[in-house]
Amino acid sequence: MAGIRNGRPYRRLVAAQKALGLPCWRCGHNIPANVDGTRHPLAFTLDHLIPLSRGGSLLDPANARSAHRRCNSARGNRPDPVRQARAPMRW
């Protein structure tokens, strides 16, 4: 798998996801277009809904999400927790 993230299909997927201009799927804030630095915490990164280390597909557009670098890094390889609706409190 070494070098596959530098391949043309992956770069094409990243460019297509970035062109959508979607907000970060983790925090919901916009990703600034003028931040091109790869080290900047608000820079665009391609995050995978199902982490690659847990069997997610690298090139599947349905598994691709837009994220800030800091949001993607903070998540690591943990799957997104399923948020269950809470029952209303009974007084």
C-alpha atoms as a PDB file:
ATOM      1  CA  MET A   1       0.000   0.000   0.000  1.00  0.00           C
ATOM      2  CA  ALA A   2       3.041   2.255   0.104  1.00  0.00           C
ATOM      3  CA  GLY A   3       2.736   5.086  -2.382  1.00  0.00           C
ATOM      4  CA  ILE A   4      -0.926   4.496  -3.253  1.00  0.00           C
ATOM      5  CA  ARG A   5      -1.969   7.783  -1.638  1.00  0.00           C
ATOM      6  CA  ASN A   6       0.257   9.566  -4.131  1.00  0.00           C
ATOM      7  CA  GLY A   7      -1.382   7.808  -7.060  1.00  0.00           C
ATOM      8  CA  ARG A   8      -3.548   9.524  -9.635  1.00  0.00           C
ATOM      9  CA  PRO A   9      -6.870   7.944  -8.525  1.00  0.00           C
ATOM     10  CA  TYR A  10      -6.357   9.108  -4.933  1.00  0.00           C
ATOM     11  CA  ARG A  11      -5.333  12.629  -5.980  1.00  0.00           C
ATOM     12  CA  ARG A  12      -8.385  12.769  -8.242  1.00  0.00           C
ATOM     13  CA  LEU A  13     -10.653  11.767  -5.334  1.00  0.00           C
ATOM     14  CA  VAL A  14      -9.075  14.407  -3.062  1.00  0.00           C
ATOM     15  CA  ALA A  15      -9.511  17.101  -5.730  1.00  0.00           C
ATOM     16  CA  ALA A  16     -13.145  16.127  -6.338  1.00  0.00           C
ATOM     17  CA  GLN A  17     -13.959  16.158  -2.622  1.00  0.00           C
ATOM     18  CA  LYS A  18     -12.222  19.499  -2.120  1.00  0.00           C
ATOM     19  CA  ALA A  19     -14.059  21.002  -5.114  1.00  0.00           C
ATOM     20  CA  LEU A  20     -17.397  20.246  -3.436  1.00  0.00           C
ATOM     21  CA  GLY A  21     -16.584  22.907  -0.841  1.00  0.00           C
ATOM     22  CA  LEU A  22     -18.271  20.992   1.971  1.00  0.00           C
ATOM     23  CA  PRO A  23     -17.742  21.895   5.630  1.00  0.00           C
ATOM     24  CA  CYS A  24     -15.806  19.643   7.967  1.00  0.00           C
ATOM     25  CA  TRP A  25     -17.900  16.572   8.676  1.00  0.00           C
ATOM     26  CA  ARG A  26     -16.576  16.340  12.236  1.00  0.00           C
ATOM     27  CA  CYS A  27     -17.078  19.882  13.572  1.00  0.00           C
ATOM     28  CA  GLY A  28     -19.383  21.406  10.940  1.00  0.00           C
ATOM     29  CA  HIS A  29     -17.270  24.529  10.370  1.00  0.00           C
ATOM     30  CA  ASN A  30     -16.202  25.700   6.932  1.00  0.00           C
ATOM     31  CA  ILE A  31     -12.777  24.726   5.639  1.00  0.00           C
ATOM     32  CA  PRO A  32     -10.983  27.872   4.431  1.00  0.00           C
ATOM     33  CA  ALA A  33     -10.053  27.698   0.755  1.00  0.00           C
ATOM     34  CA  ASN A  34      -7.088  30.057   1.129  1.00  0.00           C
ATOM     35  CA  VAL A  35      -5.237  27.709   3.515  1.00  0.00           C
ATOM     36  CA  ASP A  36      -3.064  25.542   1.321  1.00  0.00           C
ATOM     37  CA  GLY A  37      -0.411  24.604   3.850  1.00  0.00           C
ATOM     38  CA  THR A  38      -0.377  20.913   4.582  1.00  0.00           C
ATOM     39  CA  ARG A  39       0.658  21.570   8.192  1.00  0.00           C
ATOM     40  CA  HIS A  40      -1.981  24.178   9.032  1.00  0.00           C
ATOM     41  CA  PRO A  41      -4.617  22.849  11.500  1.00  0.00           C
ATOM     42  CA  LEU A  42      -7.489  24.233   9.410  1.00  0.00           C
ATOM     43  CA  ALA A  43      -6.191  22.841   6.110  1.00  0.00           C
ATOM     44  CA  PHE A  44      -8.344  20.469   4.057  1.00  0.00           C
ATOM     45  CA  THR A  45      -7.766  16.745   4.461  1.00  0.00           C
ATOM     46  CA  LEU A  46      -9.617  13.763   3.116  1.00  0.00           C
ATOM     47  CA  ASP A  47     -11.024  11.737   5.986  1.00  0.00           C
ATOM     48  CA  HIS A  48     -12.500   8.266   5.651  1.00  0.00           C
ATOM     49  CA  LEU A  49     -15.809   7.460   7.326  1.00  0.00           C
ATOM     50  CA  ILE A  50     -14.628   3.896   7.911  1.00  0.00           C
ATOM     51  CA  PRO A  51     -10.919   4.121   8.779  1.00  0.00           C
ATOM     52  CA  LEU A  52      -8.565   2.329   6.409  1.00  0.00           C
ATOM     53  CA  SER A  53      -7.096   0.342   9.292  1.00  0.00           C
ATOM     54  CA  ARG A  54     -10.572  -1.007   9.999  1.00  0.00           C
ATOM     55  CA  GLY A  55     -11.319  -2.135   6.456  1.00  0.00           C
ATOM     56  CA  GLY A  56     -12.474   1.106   4.822  1.00  0.00           C
ATOM     57  CA  SER A  57     -11.873   1.633   1.129  1.00  0.00           C
ATOM     58  CA  LEU A  58      -9.204   4.156   0.141  1.00  0.00           C
ATOM     59  CA  LEU A  59     -10.732   5.099  -3.207  1.00  0.00           C
ATOM     60  CA  ASP A  60     -14.476   4.768  -2.514  1.00  0.00           C
ATOM     61  CA  PRO A  61     -16.148   8.200  -2.837  1.00  0.00           C
ATOM     62  CA  ALA A  62     -18.873   7.066  -0.421  1.00  0.00           C
ATOM     63  CA  ASN A  63     -16.178   6.615   2.251  1.00  0.00           C
ATOM     64  CA  ALA A  64     -14.584  10.050   1.638  1.00  0.00           C
ATOM     65  CA  ARG A  65     -15.337  13.068   3.825  1.00  0.00           C
ATOM     66  CA  SER A  66     -13.974  16.608   4.014  1.00  0.00           C
ATOM     67  CA  ALA A  67     -12.264  17.456   7.302  1.00  0.00           C
ATOM     68  CA  HIS A  68      -9.907  19.906   8.932  1.00  0.00           C
ATOM     69  CA  ARG A  69      -6.468  18.484   9.586  1.00  0.00           C
ATOM     70  CA  ARG A  70      -6.926  18.893  13.357  1.00  0.00           C
ATOM     71  CA  CYS A  71     -10.343  17.173  13.327  1.00  0.00           C
ATOM     72  CA  ASN A  72      -8.991  14.294  11.246  1.00  0.00           C
ATOM     73  CA  SER A  73      -5.919  13.909  13.470  1.00  0.00           C
ATOM     74  CA  ALA A  74      -7.930  14.069  16.685  1.00  0.00           C
ATOM     75  CA  ARG A  75     -10.207  11.295  15.494  1.00  0.00           C
ATOM     76  CA  GLY A  76      -7.367   8.922  14.655  1.00  0.00           C
ATOM     77  CA  ASN A  77      -8.588   5.511  13.506  1.00  0.00           C
ATOM     78  CA  ARG A  78     -11.611   5.425  15.788  1.00  0.00           C
ATOM     79  CA  PRO A  79     -14.927   4.899  14.063  1.00  0.00           C
ATOM     80  CA  ASP A  80     -17.481   7.681  14.389  1.00  0.00           C
ATOM     81  CA  PRO A  81     -19.646   6.903  17.414  1.00  0.00           C
ATOM     82  CA  VAL A  82     -23.268   6.202  16.679  1.00  0.00           C
ATOM     83  CA  ARG A  83     -25.283   8.904  18.320  1.00  0.00           C
ATOM     84  CA  GLN A  84     -28.464   7.494  19.729  1.00  0.00           C
ATOM     85  CA  ALA A  85     -31.429   9.679  20.483  1.00  0.00           C
ATOM     86  CA  ARG A  86     -31.909  10.185  24.180  1.00  0.00           C
ATOM     87  CA  ALA A  87     -35.302   9.575  25.672  1.00  0.00           C
ATOM     88  CA  PRO A  88     -36.884  12.682  27.131  1.00  0.00           C
ATOM     89  CA  MET A  89     -36.496  13.070  30.854  1.00  0.00           C
ATOM     90  CA  ARG A  90     -39.570  12.279  32.869  1.00  0.00           C
ATOM     91  CA  TRP A  91     -40.144  14.636  35.761  1.00  0.00           C
END
